[in-house]
Amino acid sequence: MMIMSAKDSTLFTLNEVATAIWEAADGCTPLDQIVDQKVCAVFEVAPSVAMSDAESLVAELSSHGLLLVSEQPISSAKTPAKETP
């Protein structure tokens, strides 16, 4: 997968593991859960190594403005209730 920074048009090529992390980064799921469910469950890698690599990836992408890092999940916008006729 390739992603591009809107800030400076830099292209980034993501390998399979980085793609799995990118696709799972939904603003609600903690990184350790992504690593456990999307990386360690699919790829043969020790959890400590996977987490360290994931943290490095997130730091790199964040430094280019491609990911926002937060200690708290991003709250979803409230959708207005549907009116019933």
C-alpha atoms as a PDB file:
ATOM      1  CA  MET A   1       0.000   0.000   0.000  1.00  0.00           C
ATOM      2  CA  MET A   2       1.148   3.530  -0.701  1.00  0.00           C
ATOM      3  CA  ILE A   3       0.020   6.597   1.225  1.00  0.00           C
ATOM      4  CA  MET A   4       0.817  10.233   0.552  1.00  0.00           C
ATOM      5  CA  SER A   5       1.331  13.099   2.934  1.00  0.00           C
ATOM      6  CA  ALA A   6      -1.005  15.977   2.110  1.00  0.00           C
ATOM      7  CA  LYS A   7       1.468  18.284   3.839  1.00  0.00           C
ATOM      8  CA  ASP A   8       4.405  17.770   1.475  1.00  0.00           C
ATOM      9  CA  SER A   9       3.295  15.100  -1.055  1.00  0.00           C
ATOM     10  CA  THR A  10       5.809  12.592   0.298  1.00  0.00           C
ATOM     11  CA  LEU A  11       4.927   9.013  -0.663  1.00  0.00           C
ATOM     12  CA  PHE A  12       5.233   6.174   1.830  1.00  0.00           C
ATOM     13  CA  THR A  13       5.217   2.508   0.877  1.00  0.00           C
ATOM     14  CA  LEU A  14       3.781   0.308   3.601  1.00  0.00           C
ATOM     15  CA  ASN A  15       4.624  -3.373   3.906  1.00  0.00           C
ATOM     16  CA  GLU A  16       1.962  -5.943   4.862  1.00  0.00           C
ATOM     17  CA  VAL A  17       2.327  -5.382   8.601  1.00  0.00           C
ATOM     18  CA  ALA A  18       2.293  -1.596   8.303  1.00  0.00           C
ATOM     19  CA  THR A  19      -0.747  -1.845   6.033  1.00  0.00           C
ATOM     20  CA  ALA A  20      -2.571  -3.961   8.627  1.00  0.00           C
ATOM     21  CA  ILE A  21      -1.830  -1.332  11.283  1.00  0.00           C
ATOM     22  CA  TRP A  22      -2.806   1.552   8.974  1.00  0.00           C
ATOM     23  CA  GLU A  23      -6.117  -0.072   8.053  1.00  0.00           C
ATOM     24  CA  ALA A  24      -6.952  -0.864  11.703  1.00  0.00           C
ATOM     25  CA  ALA A  25      -6.105   2.644  12.968  1.00  0.00           C
ATOM     26  CA  ASP A  26      -9.665   3.832  13.444  1.00  0.00           C
ATOM     27  CA  GLY A  27      -9.166   6.337  16.248  1.00  0.00           C
ATOM     28  CA  CYS A  28     -10.914   4.074  18.744  1.00  0.00           C
ATOM     29  CA  THR A  29      -8.832   0.884  18.907  1.00  0.00           C
ATOM     30  CA  PRO A  30      -5.690   1.088  21.081  1.00  0.00           C
ATOM     31  CA  LEU A  31      -2.383   0.249  19.407  1.00  0.00           C
ATOM     32  CA  ASP A  32      -1.733  -2.731  21.674  1.00  0.00           C
ATOM     33  CA  GLN A  33      -5.069  -4.235  20.634  1.00  0.00           C
ATOM     34  CA  ILE A  34      -4.278  -3.636  16.942  1.00  0.00           C
ATOM     35  CA  VAL A  35      -0.897  -5.307  17.383  1.00  0.00           C
ATOM     36  CA  ASP A  36      -2.448  -8.283  19.177  1.00  0.00           C
ATOM     37  CA  GLN A  37      -5.410  -8.793  16.824  1.00  0.00           C
ATOM     38  CA  LYS A  38      -4.050  -7.659  13.447  1.00  0.00           C
ATOM     39  CA  VAL A  39      -0.316  -8.288  13.646  1.00  0.00           C
ATOM     40  CA  CYS A  40       0.494 -11.099  16.085  1.00  0.00           C
ATOM     41  CA  ALA A  41      -2.603 -13.081  15.095  1.00  0.00           C
ATOM     42  CA  VAL A  42      -1.594 -13.051  11.417  1.00  0.00           C
ATOM     43  CA  PHE A  43       2.196 -12.702  11.282  1.00  0.00           C
ATOM     44  CA  GLU A  44       4.806 -14.776  13.076  1.00  0.00           C
ATOM     45  CA  VAL A  45       6.294 -12.157  15.354  1.00  0.00           C
ATOM     46  CA  ALA A  46       6.871 -11.868  19.091  1.00  0.00           C
ATOM     47  CA  PRO A  47       4.426  -9.463  20.757  1.00  0.00           C
ATOM     48  CA  SER A  48       7.217  -7.286  22.193  1.00  0.00           C
ATOM     49  CA  VAL A  49       8.891  -6.954  18.787  1.00  0.00           C
ATOM     50  CA  ALA A  50       5.575  -6.265  17.054  1.00  0.00           C
ATOM     51  CA  MET A  51       4.673  -3.561  19.581  1.00  0.00           C
ATOM     52  CA  SER A  52       8.077  -1.890  19.329  1.00  0.00           C
ATOM     53  CA  ASP A  53       7.893  -1.887  15.529  1.00  0.00           C
ATOM     54  CA  ALA A  54       4.302  -0.606  15.610  1.00  0.00           C
ATOM     55  CA  GLU A  55       5.258   2.248  17.944  1.00  0.00           C
ATOM     56  CA  SER A  56       8.096   3.201  15.581  1.00  0.00           C
ATOM     57  CA  LEU A  57       5.744   3.133  12.590  1.00  0.00           C
ATOM     58  CA  VAL A  58       3.150   5.260  14.382  1.00  0.00           C
ATOM     59  CA  ALA A  59       5.819   7.764  15.462  1.00  0.00           C
ATOM     60  CA  GLU A  60       7.131   8.017  11.893  1.00  0.00           C
ATOM     61  CA  LEU A  61       3.699   8.465  10.322  1.00  0.00           C
ATOM     62  CA  SER A  62       2.689  10.900  13.051  1.00  0.00           C
ATOM     63  CA  SER A  63       5.816  12.996  12.478  1.00  0.00           C
ATOM     64  CA  HIS A  64       4.683  13.454   8.869  1.00  0.00           C
ATOM     65  CA  GLY A  65       1.138  14.370   9.863  1.00  0.00           C
ATOM     66  CA  LEU A  66      -0.337  11.121   8.553  1.00  0.00           C
ATOM     67  CA  LEU A  67      -1.641   9.877  11.907  1.00  0.00           C
ATOM     68  CA  LEU A  68      -2.861  11.657  15.000  1.00  0.00           C
ATOM     69  CA  VAL A  69      -1.759  10.065  18.245  1.00  0.00           C
ATOM     70  CA  SER A  70      -3.957  10.316  21.304  1.00  0.00           C
ATOM     71  CA  GLU A  71      -4.062   8.788  24.760  1.00  0.00           C
ATOM     72  CA  GLN A  72      -7.871   8.670  24.545  1.00  0.00           C
ATOM     73  CA  PRO A  73     -10.104   7.256  21.809  1.00  0.00           C
ATOM     74  CA  ILE A  74     -11.569   9.770  19.419  1.00  0.00           C
ATOM     75  CA  SER A  75     -15.244  10.120  20.263  1.00  0.00           C
ATOM     76  CA  SER A  76     -17.521   9.572  17.324  1.00  0.00           C
ATOM     77  CA  ALA A  77     -19.714  12.454  16.266  1.00  0.00           C
ATOM     78  CA  LYS A  78     -23.235  12.077  17.496  1.00  0.00           C
ATOM     79  CA  THR A  79     -25.648  11.380  14.720  1.00  0.00           C
ATOM     80  CA  PRO A  80     -29.031  13.038  14.916  1.00  0.00           C
ATOM     81  CA  ALA A  81     -31.947  10.777  15.696  1.00  0.00           C
ATOM     82  CA  LYS A  82     -34.169   9.925  12.779  1.00  0.00           C
ATOM     83  CA  GLU A  83     -37.591  11.456  12.849  1.00  0.00           C
ATOM     84  CA  THR A  84     -40.396   9.006  12.539  1.00  0.00           C
ATOM     85  CA  PRO A  85     -43.454  10.018  10.519  1.00  0.00           C
END
